Amino acid sequence: CAATNRLSFSVLQRSGTYTSWGQG
């Protein structure tokens, strides 16, 4: 799981958009 403050679907589908990540 990951989290970002972005909203656009186009960027939400890219892993580089996310600023926080879970451990898996």
mmCIF file of all heavy atoms, coordinates in Angstrom:
data_MODEL
# 
_entry.id   MODEL 
# 
loop_
_atom_site.group_PDB 
_atom_site.id 
_atom_site.type_symbol 
_atom_site.label_atom_id 
_atom_site.label_alt_id 
_atom_site.label_comp_id 
_atom_site.label_asym_id 
_atom_site.label_entity_id 
_atom_site.label_seq_id 
_atom_site.pdbx_PDB_ins_code 
_atom_site.Cartn_x 
_atom_site.Cartn_y 
_atom_site.Cartn_z 
_atom_site.occupancy 
_atom_site.B_iso_or_equiv 
_atom_site.pdbx_formal_charge 
_atom_site.auth_seq_id 
_atom_site.auth_comp_id 
_atom_site.auth_asym_id 
_atom_site.auth_atom_id 
_atom_site.pdbx_PDB_model_num 
ATOM 1   N N   . CYS A 1 1  ? 0.841   -1.181 0.000   1.00 0.00 ? 1  CYS A N   1 
ATOM 2   C CA  . CYS A 1 1  ? 0.000   0.000  0.000   1.00 0.00 ? 1  CYS A CA  1 
ATOM 3   C C   . CYS A 1 1  ? 0.881   1.236  0.000   1.00 0.00 ? 1  CYS A C   1 
ATOM 4   O O   . CYS A 1 1  ? 2.044   1.197  0.408   1.00 0.00 ? 1  CYS A O   1 
ATOM 5   C CB  . CYS A 1 1  ? -0.970  0.019  1.184   1.00 0.00 ? 1  CYS A CB  1 
ATOM 6   S SG  . CYS A 1 1  ? -0.217  0.212  2.811   1.00 0.00 ? 1  CYS A SG  1 
ATOM 7   N N   . ALA A 1 2  ? 0.332   2.324  -0.479  1.00 0.00 ? 2  ALA A N   1 
ATOM 8   C CA  . ALA A 1 2  ? 1.066   3.572  -0.597  1.00 0.00 ? 2  ALA A CA  1 
ATOM 9   C C   . ALA A 1 2  ? 0.100   4.735  -0.460  1.00 0.00 ? 2  ALA A C   1 
ATOM 10  O O   . ALA A 1 2  ? -1.118  4.560  -0.556  1.00 0.00 ? 2  ALA A O   1 
ATOM 11  C CB  . ALA A 1 2  ? 1.794   3.641  -1.943  1.00 0.00 ? 2  ALA A CB  1 
ATOM 12  N N   . ALA A 1 3  ? 0.635   5.931  -0.242  1.00 0.00 ? 3  ALA A N   1 
ATOM 13  C CA  . ALA A 1 3  ? -0.192  7.117  -0.064  1.00 0.00 ? 3  ALA A CA  1 
ATOM 14  C C   . ALA A 1 3  ? 0.459   8.324  -0.705  1.00 0.00 ? 3  ALA A C   1 
ATOM 15  O O   . ALA A 1 3  ? 1.681   8.466  -0.688  1.00 0.00 ? 3  ALA A O   1 
ATOM 16  C CB  . ALA A 1 3  ? -0.443  7.386  1.417   1.00 0.00 ? 3  ALA A CB  1 
ATOM 17  N N   . THR A 1 4  ? -0.382  9.202  -1.261  1.00 0.00 ? 4  THR A N   1 
ATOM 18  C CA  . THR A 1 4  ? 0.047   10.452 -1.866  1.00 0.00 ? 4  THR A CA  1 
ATOM 19  C C   . THR A 1 4  ? -1.055  11.481 -1.681  1.00 0.00 ? 4  THR A C   1 
ATOM 20  O O   . THR A 1 4  ? -2.218  11.118 -1.509  1.00 0.00 ? 4  THR A O   1 
ATOM 21  C CB  . THR A 1 4  ? 0.349   10.277 -3.367  1.00 0.00 ? 4  THR A CB  1 
ATOM 22  O OG1 . THR A 1 4  ? 0.691   11.539 -3.942  1.00 0.00 ? 4  THR A OG1 1 
ATOM 23  C CG2 . THR A 1 4  ? -0.856  9.716  -4.109  1.00 0.00 ? 4  THR A CG2 1 
ATOM 24  N N   . ASN A 1 5  ? -0.701  12.759 -1.735  1.00 0.00 ? 5  ASN A N   1 
ATOM 25  C CA  . ASN A 1 5  ? -1.716  13.795 -1.685  1.00 0.00 ? 5  ASN A CA  1 
ATOM 26  C C   . ASN A 1 5  ? -2.236  14.179 -3.071  1.00 0.00 ? 5  ASN A C   1 
ATOM 27  O O   . ASN A 1 5  ? -3.066  15.078 -3.183  1.00 0.00 ? 5  ASN A O   1 
ATOM 28  C CB  . ASN A 1 5  ? -1.209  15.039 -0.952  1.00 0.00 ? 5  ASN A CB  1 
ATOM 29  C CG  . ASN A 1 5  ? -0.020  15.691 -1.622  1.00 0.00 ? 5  ASN A CG  1 
ATOM 30  O OD1 . ASN A 1 5  ? 0.471   15.220 -2.636  1.00 0.00 ? 5  ASN A OD1 1 
ATOM 31  N ND2 . ASN A 1 5  ? 0.445   16.791 -1.036  1.00 0.00 ? 5  ASN A ND2 1 
ATOM 32  N N   . ARG A 1 6  ? -1.800  13.488 -4.104  1.00 0.00 ? 6  ARG A N   1 
ATOM 33  C CA  . ARG A 1 6  ? -2.258  13.763 -5.466  1.00 0.00 ? 6  ARG A CA  1 
ATOM 34  C C   . ARG A 1 6  ? -3.660  13.198 -5.699  1.00 0.00 ? 6  ARG A C   1 
ATOM 35  O O   . ARG A 1 6  ? -4.138  12.341 -4.946  1.00 0.00 ? 6  ARG A O   1 
ATOM 36  C CB  . ARG A 1 6  ? -1.278  13.200 -6.487  1.00 0.00 ? 6  ARG A CB  1 
ATOM 37  C CG  . ARG A 1 6  ? 0.138   13.734 -6.340  1.00 0.00 ? 6  ARG A CG  1 
ATOM 38  C CD  . ARG A 1 6  ? 0.219   15.219 -6.684  1.00 0.00 ? 6  ARG A CD  1 
ATOM 39  N NE  . ARG A 1 6  ? -0.148  15.490 -8.060  1.00 0.00 ? 6  ARG A NE  1 
ATOM 40  C CZ  . ARG A 1 6  ? 0.671   15.391 -9.106  1.00 0.00 ? 6  ARG A CZ  1 
ATOM 41  N NH1 . ARG A 1 6  ? 1.941   15.026 -8.925  1.00 0.00 ? 6  ARG A NH1 1 
ATOM 42  N NH2 . ARG A 1 6  ? 0.234   15.673 -10.324 1.00 0.00 ? 6  ARG A NH2 1 
ATOM 43  N N   . LEU A 1 7  ? -4.308  13.654 -6.784  1.00 0.00 ? 7  LEU A N   1 
ATOM 44  C CA  . LEU A 1 7  ? -5.690  13.294 -7.063  1.00 0.00 ? 7  LEU A CA  1 
ATOM 45  C C   . LEU A 1 7  ? -5.932  12.755 -8.472  1.00 0.00 ? 7  LEU A C   1 
ATOM 46  O O   . LEU A 1 7  ? -6.896  12.020 -8.683  1.00 0.00 ? 7  LEU A O   1 
ATOM 47  C CB  . LEU A 1 7  ? -6.602  14.506 -6.865  1.00 0.00 ? 7  LEU A CB  1 
ATOM 48  C CG  . LEU A 1 7  ? -6.733  15.033 -5.442  1.00 0.00 ? 7  LEU A CG  1 
ATOM 49  C CD1 . LEU A 1 7  ? -7.443  16.371 -5.445  1.00 0.00 ? 7  LEU A CD1 1 
ATOM 50  C CD2 . LEU A 1 7  ? -7.485  14.033 -4.581  1.00 0.00 ? 7  LEU A CD2 1 
ATOM 51  N N   . SER A 1 8  ? -5.118  13.115 -9.425  1.00 0.00 ? 8  SER A N   1 
ATOM 52  C CA  . SER A 1 8  ? -5.358  12.736 -10.813 1.00 0.00 ? 8  SER A CA  1 
ATOM 53  C C   . SER A 1 8  ? -5.156  11.245 -11.019 1.00 0.00 ? 8  SER A C   1 
ATOM 54  O O   . SER A 1 8  ? -4.144  10.675 -10.602 1.00 0.00 ? 8  SER A O   1 
ATOM 55  C CB  . SER A 1 8  ? -4.424  13.518 -11.736 1.00 0.00 ? 8  SER A CB  1 
ATOM 56  O OG  . SER A 1 8  ? -4.474  13.018 -13.056 1.00 0.00 ? 8  SER A OG  1 
ATOM 57  N N   . PHE A 1 9  ? -6.099  10.602 -11.700 1.00 0.00 ? 9  PHE A N   1 
ATOM 58  C CA  . PHE A 1 9  ? -5.973  9.180  -11.997 1.00 0.00 ? 9  PHE A CA  1 
ATOM 59  C C   . PHE A 1 9  ? -4.712  8.870  -12.783 1.00 0.00 ? 9  PHE A C   1 
ATOM 60  O O   . PHE A 1 9  ? -4.107  7.812  -12.606 1.00 0.00 ? 9  PHE A O   1 
ATOM 61  C CB  . PHE A 1 9  ? -7.192  8.688  -12.779 1.00 0.00 ? 9  PHE A CB  1 
ATOM 62  C CG  . PHE A 1 9  ? -8.390  8.393  -11.939 1.00 0.00 ? 9  PHE A CG  1 
ATOM 63  C CD1 . PHE A 1 9  ? -8.378  8.560  -10.569 1.00 0.00 ? 9  PHE A CD1 1 
ATOM 64  C CD2 . PHE A 1 9  ? -9.555  7.930  -12.534 1.00 0.00 ? 9  PHE A CD2 1 
ATOM 65  C CE1 . PHE A 1 9  ? -9.492  8.281  -9.793  1.00 0.00 ? 9  PHE A CE1 1 
ATOM 66  C CE2 . PHE A 1 9  ? -10.678 7.651  -11.774 1.00 0.00 ? 9  PHE A CE2 1 
ATOM 67  C CZ  . PHE A 1 9  ? -10.650 7.824  -10.409 1.00 0.00 ? 9  PHE A CZ  1 
ATOM 68  N N   . SER A 1 10 ? -4.303  9.790  -13.654 1.00 0.00 ? 10 SER A N   1 
ATOM 69  C CA  . SER A 1 10 ? -3.138  9.528  -14.475 1.00 0.00 ? 10 SER A CA  1 
ATOM 70  C C   . SER A 1 10 ? -1.877  9.381  -13.635 1.00 0.00 ? 10 SER A C   1 
ATOM 71  O O   . SER A 1 10 ? -1.014  8.548  -13.939 1.00 0.00 ? 10 SER A O   1 
ATOM 72  C CB  . SER A 1 10 ? -2.964  10.624 -15.531 1.00 0.00 ? 10 SER A CB  1 
ATOM 73  O OG  . SER A 1 10 ? -2.719  11.881 -14.928 1.00 0.00 ? 10 SER A OG  1 
ATOM 74  N N   . VAL A 1 11 ? -1.740  10.173 -12.574 1.00 0.00 ? 11 VAL A N   1 
ATOM 75  C CA  . VAL A 1 11 ? -0.558  10.075 -11.734 1.00 0.00 ? 11 VAL A CA  1 
ATOM 76  C C   . VAL A 1 11 ? -0.720  9.047  -10.626 1.00 0.00 ? 11 VAL A C   1 
ATOM 77  O O   . VAL A 1 11 ? 0.285   8.493  -10.150 1.00 0.00 ? 11 VAL A O   1 
ATOM 78  C CB  . VAL A 1 11 ? -0.163  11.448 -11.148 1.00 0.00 ? 11 VAL A CB  1 
ATOM 79  C CG1 . VAL A 1 11 ? 0.139   12.433 -12.269 1.00 0.00 ? 11 VAL A CG1 1 
ATOM 80  C CG2 . VAL A 1 11 ? -1.248  12.006 -10.241 1.00 0.00 ? 11 VAL A CG2 1 
ATOM 81  N N   . LEU A 1 12 ? -1.946  8.756  -10.209 1.00 0.00 ? 12 LEU A N   1 
ATOM 82  C CA  . LEU A 1 12 ? -2.164  7.754  -9.172  1.00 0.00 ? 12 LEU A CA  1 
ATOM 83  C C   . LEU A 1 12 ? -1.801  6.349  -9.643  1.00 0.00 ? 12 LEU A C   1 
ATOM 84  O O   . LEU A 1 12 ? -1.628  5.450  -8.811  1.00 0.00 ? 12 LEU A O   1 
ATOM 85  C CB  . LEU A 1 12 ? -3.610  7.776  -8.693  1.00 0.00 ? 12 LEU A CB  1 
ATOM 86  C CG  . LEU A 1 12 ? -4.040  9.005  -7.891  1.00 0.00 ? 12 LEU A CG  1 
ATOM 87  C CD1 . LEU A 1 12 ? -5.510  8.907  -7.511  1.00 0.00 ? 12 LEU A CD1 1 
ATOM 88  C CD2 . LEU A 1 12 ? -3.186  9.180  -6.650  1.00 0.00 ? 12 LEU A CD2 1 
ATOM 89  N N   . GLN A 1 13 ? -1.687  6.149  -10.935 1.00 0.00 ? 13 GLN A N   1 
ATOM 90  C CA  . GLN A 1 13 ? -1.310  4.851  -11.474 1.00 0.00 ? 13 GLN A CA  1 
ATOM 91  C C   . GLN A 1 13 ? 0.204   4.679  -11.620 1.00 0.00 ? 13 GLN A C   1 
ATOM 92  O O   . GLN A 1 13 ? 0.659   3.634  -12.100 1.00 0.00 ? 13 GLN A O   1 
ATOM 93  C CB  . GLN A 1 13 ? -1.992  4.626  -12.824 1.00 0.00 ? 13 GLN A CB  1 
ATOM 94  C CG  . GLN A 1 13 ? -3.508  4.568  -12.714 1.00 0.00 ? 13 GLN A CG  1 
ATOM 95  C CD  . GLN A 1 13 ? -4.190  4.478  -14.052 1.00 0.00 ? 13 GLN A CD  1 
ATOM 96  O OE1 . GLN A 1 13 ? -4.128  3.452  -14.740 1.00 0.00 ? 13 GLN A OE1 1 
ATOM 97  N NE2 . GLN A 1 13 ? -4.858  5.563  -14.438 1.00 0.00 ? 13 GLN A NE2 1 
ATOM 98  N N   . ARG A 1 14 ? 0.977   5.658  -11.191 1.00 0.00 ? 14 ARG A N   1 
ATOM 99  C CA  . ARG A 1 14 ? 2.434   5.594  -11.285 1.00 0.00 ? 14 ARG A CA  1 
ATOM 100 C C   . ARG A 1 14 ? 3.034   5.497  -9.882  1.00 0.00 ? 14 ARG A C   1 
ATOM 101 O O   . ARG A 1 14 ? 2.735   6.308  -9.008  1.00 0.00 ? 14 ARG A O   1 
ATOM 102 C CB  . ARG A 1 14 ? 2.996   6.829  -12.005 1.00 0.00 ? 14 ARG A CB  1 
ATOM 103 C CG  . ARG A 1 14 ? 2.470   6.983  -13.428 1.00 0.00 ? 14 ARG A CG  1 
ATOM 104 C CD  . ARG A 1 14 ? 3.364   7.897  -14.243 1.00 0.00 ? 14 ARG A CD  1 
ATOM 105 N NE  . ARG A 1 14 ? 3.370   9.258  -13.763 1.00 0.00 ? 14 ARG A NE  1 
ATOM 106 C CZ  . ARG A 1 14 ? 2.589   10.221 -14.224 1.00 0.00 ? 14 ARG A CZ  1 
ATOM 107 N NH1 . ARG A 1 14 ? 1.712   9.964  -15.192 1.00 0.00 ? 14 ARG A NH1 1 
ATOM 108 N NH2 . ARG A 1 14 ? 2.681   11.448 -13.733 1.00 0.00 ? 14 ARG A NH2 1 
ATOM 109 N N   . SER A 1 15 ? 3.913   4.543  -9.685  1.00 0.00 ? 15 SER A N   1 
ATOM 110 C CA  . SER A 1 15 ? 4.482   4.317  -8.362  1.00 0.00 ? 15 SER A CA  1 
ATOM 111 C C   . SER A 1 15 ? 5.291   5.512  -7.866  1.00 0.00 ? 15 SER A C   1 
ATOM 112 O O   . SER A 1 15 ? 5.339   5.776  -6.663  1.00 0.00 ? 15 SER A O   1 
ATOM 113 C CB  . SER A 1 15 ? 5.353   3.058  -8.360  1.00 0.00 ? 15 SER A CB  1 
ATOM 114 O OG  . SER A 1 15 ? 6.446   3.186  -9.251  1.00 0.00 ? 15 SER A OG  1 
ATOM 115 N N   . GLY A 1 16 ? 5.922   6.258  -8.787  1.00 0.00 ? 16 GLY A N   1 
ATOM 116 C CA  . GLY A 1 16 ? 6.720   7.405  -8.396  1.00 0.00 ? 16 GLY A CA  1 
ATOM 117 C C   . GLY A 1 16 ? 5.926   8.542  -7.799  1.00 0.00 ? 16 GLY A C   1 
ATOM 118 O O   . GLY A 1 16 ? 6.503   9.449  -7.189  1.00 0.00 ? 16 GLY A O   1 
ATOM 119 N N   . THR A 1 17 ? 4.615   8.522  -7.940  1.00 0.00 ? 17 THR A N   1 
ATOM 120 C CA  . THR A 1 17 ? 3.751   9.548  -7.376  1.00 0.00 ? 17 THR A CA  1 
ATOM 121 C C   . THR A 1 17 ? 3.676   9.472  -5.859  1.00 0.00 ? 17 THR A C   1 
ATOM 122 O O   . THR A 1 17 ? 3.467   10.487 -5.190  1.00 0.00 ? 17 THR A O   1 
ATOM 123 C CB  . THR A 1 17 ? 2.343   9.418  -7.971  1.00 0.00 ? 17 THR A CB  1 
ATOM 124 O OG1 . THR A 1 17 ? 2.403   9.625  -9.384  1.00 0.00 ? 17 THR A OG1 1 
ATOM 125 C CG2 . THR A 1 17 ? 1.369   10.408 -7.351  1.00 0.00 ? 17 THR A CG2 1 
ATOM 126 N N   . TYR A 1 18 ? 3.855   8.298  -5.297  1.00 0.00 ? 18 TYR A N   1 
ATOM 127 C CA  . TYR A 1 18 ? 3.559   8.060  -3.896  1.00 0.00 ? 18 TYR A CA  1 
ATOM 128 C C   . TYR A 1 18 ? 4.737   8.402  -2.999  1.00 0.00 ? 18 TYR A C   1 
ATOM 129 O O   . TYR A 1 18 ? 5.896   8.088  -3.322  1.00 0.00 ? 18 TYR A O   1 
ATOM 130 C CB  . TYR A 1 18 ? 3.121   6.610  -3.697  1.00 0.00 ? 18 TYR A CB  1 
ATOM 131 C CG  . TYR A 1 18 ? 1.794   6.353  -4.362  1.00 0.00 ? 18 TYR A CG  1 
ATOM 132 C CD1 . TYR A 1 18 ? 1.722   6.063  -5.724  1.00 0.00 ? 18 TYR A CD1 1 
ATOM 133 C CD2 . TYR A 1 18 ? 0.614   6.452  -3.640  1.00 0.00 ? 18 TYR A CD2 1 
ATOM 134 C CE1 . TYR A 1 18 ? 0.500   5.870  -6.343  1.00 0.00 ? 18 TYR A CE1 1 
ATOM 135 C CE2 . TYR A 1 18 ? -0.606  6.257  -4.257  1.00 0.00 ? 18 TYR A CE2 1 
ATOM 136 C CZ  . TYR A 1 18 ? -0.657  5.963  -5.614  1.00 0.00 ? 18 TYR A CZ  1 
ATOM 137 O OH  . TYR A 1 18 ? -1.872  5.775  -6.220  1.00 0.00 ? 18 TYR A OH  1 
ATOM 138 N N   . THR A 1 19 ? 4.441   9.034  -1.881  1.00 0.00 ? 19 THR A N   1 
ATOM 139 C CA  . THR A 1 19 ? 5.457   9.511  -0.957  1.00 0.00 ? 19 THR A CA  1 
ATOM 140 C C   . THR A 1 19 ? 5.622   8.635  0.275   1.00 0.00 ? 19 THR A C   1 
ATOM 141 O O   . THR A 1 19 ? 6.606   8.783  0.997   1.00 0.00 ? 19 THR A O   1 
ATOM 142 C CB  . THR A 1 19 ? 5.133   10.943 -0.505  1.00 0.00 ? 19 THR A CB  1 
ATOM 143 O OG1 . THR A 1 19 ? 3.808   10.998 0.036   1.00 0.00 ? 19 THR A OG1 1 
ATOM 144 C CG2 . THR A 1 19 ? 5.213   11.900 -1.694  1.00 0.00 ? 19 THR A CG2 1 
ATOM 145 N N   . SER A 1 20 ? 4.675   7.745  0.538   1.00 0.00 ? 20 SER A N   1 
ATOM 146 C CA  . SER A 1 20 ? 4.746   6.844  1.679   1.00 0.00 ? 20 SER A CA  1 
ATOM 147 C C   . SER A 1 20 ? 4.381   5.442  1.229   1.00 0.00 ? 20 SER A C   1 
ATOM 148 O O   . SER A 1 20 ? 3.471   5.266  0.414   1.00 0.00 ? 20 SER A O   1 
ATOM 149 C CB  . SER A 1 20 ? 3.799   7.286  2.802   1.00 0.00 ? 20 SER A CB  1 
ATOM 150 O OG  . SER A 1 20 ? 4.138   8.580  3.284   1.00 0.00 ? 20 SER A OG  1 
ATOM 151 N N   . TRP A 1 21 ? 5.064   4.446  1.787   1.00 0.00 ? 21 TRP A N   1 
ATOM 152 C CA  . TRP A 1 21 ? 4.857   3.049  1.405   1.00 0.00 ? 21 TRP A CA  1 
ATOM 153 C C   . TRP A 1 21 ? 4.803   2.155  2.628   1.00 0.00 ? 21 TRP A C   1 
ATOM 154 O O   . TRP A 1 21 ? 5.512   2.383  3.616   1.00 0.00 ? 21 TRP A O   1 
ATOM 155 C CB  . TRP A 1 21 ? 5.989   2.556  0.502   1.00 0.00 ? 21 TRP A CB  1 
ATOM 156 C CG  . TRP A 1 21 ? 5.969   3.169  -0.855  1.00 0.00 ? 21 TRP A CG  1 
ATOM 157 C CD1 . TRP A 1 21 ? 6.504   4.362  -1.233  1.00 0.00 ? 21 TRP A CD1 1 
ATOM 158 C CD2 . TRP A 1 21 ? 5.371   2.609  -2.029  1.00 0.00 ? 21 TRP A CD2 1 
ATOM 159 N NE1 . TRP A 1 21 ? 6.279   4.586  -2.563  1.00 0.00 ? 21 TRP A NE1 1 
ATOM 160 C CE2 . TRP A 1 21 ? 5.584   3.526  -3.081  1.00 0.00 ? 21 TRP A CE2 1 
ATOM 161 C CE3 . TRP A 1 21 ? 4.682   1.426  -2.288  1.00 0.00 ? 21 TRP A CE3 1 
ATOM 162 C CZ2 . TRP A 1 21 ? 5.127   3.291  -4.372  1.00 0.00 ? 21 TRP A CZ2 1 
ATOM 163 C CZ3 . TRP A 1 21 ? 4.221   1.193  -3.574  1.00 0.00 ? 21 TRP A CZ3 1 
ATOM 164 C CH2 . TRP A 1 21 ? 4.449   2.120  -4.598  1.00 0.00 ? 21 TRP A CH2 1 
ATOM 165 N N   . GLY A 1 22 ? 3.953   1.137  2.555   1.00 0.00 ? 22 GLY A N   1 
ATOM 166 C CA  . GLY A 1 22 ? 3.944   0.105  3.567   1.00 0.00 ? 22 GLY A CA  1 
ATOM 167 C C   . GLY A 1 22 ? 5.056   -0.898 3.349   1.00 0.00 ? 22 GLY A C   1 
ATOM 168 O O   . GLY A 1 22 ? 5.812   -0.837 2.373   1.00 0.00 ? 22 GLY A O   1 
ATOM 169 N N   . GLN A 1 23 ? 5.157   -1.859 4.271   1.00 0.00 ? 23 GLN A N   1 
ATOM 170 C CA  . GLN A 1 23 ? 6.257   -2.818 4.249   1.00 0.00 ? 23 GLN A CA  1 
ATOM 171 C C   . GLN A 1 23 ? 6.025   -3.973 3.287   1.00 0.00 ? 23 GLN A C   1 
ATOM 172 O O   . GLN A 1 23 ? 6.966   -4.715 2.994   1.00 0.00 ? 23 GLN A O   1 
ATOM 173 C CB  . GLN A 1 23 ? 6.496   -3.369 5.661   1.00 0.00 ? 23 GLN A CB  1 
ATOM 174 C CG  . GLN A 1 23 ? 5.571   -4.504 6.096   1.00 0.00 ? 23 GLN A CG  1 
ATOM 175 C CD  . GLN A 1 23 ? 4.180   -4.065 6.512   1.00 0.00 ? 23 GLN A CD  1 
ATOM 176 O OE1 . GLN A 1 23 ? 3.810   -2.895 6.425   1.00 0.00 ? 23 GLN A OE1 1 
ATOM 177 N NE2 . GLN A 1 23 ? 3.381   -5.025 6.978   1.00 0.00 ? 23 GLN A NE2 1 
ATOM 178 N N   . GLY A 1 24 ? 4.815   -4.137 2.793   1.00 0.00 ? 24 GLY A N   1 
ATOM 179 C CA  . GLY A 1 24 ? 4.478   -5.226 1.902   1.00 0.00 ? 24 GLY A CA  1 
ATOM 180 C C   . GLY A 1 24 ? 3.903   -6.421 2.647   1.00 0.00 ? 24 GLY A C   1 
ATOM 181 O O   . GLY A 1 24 ? 4.271   -6.703 3.787   1.00 0.00 ? 24 GLY A O   1 
# 
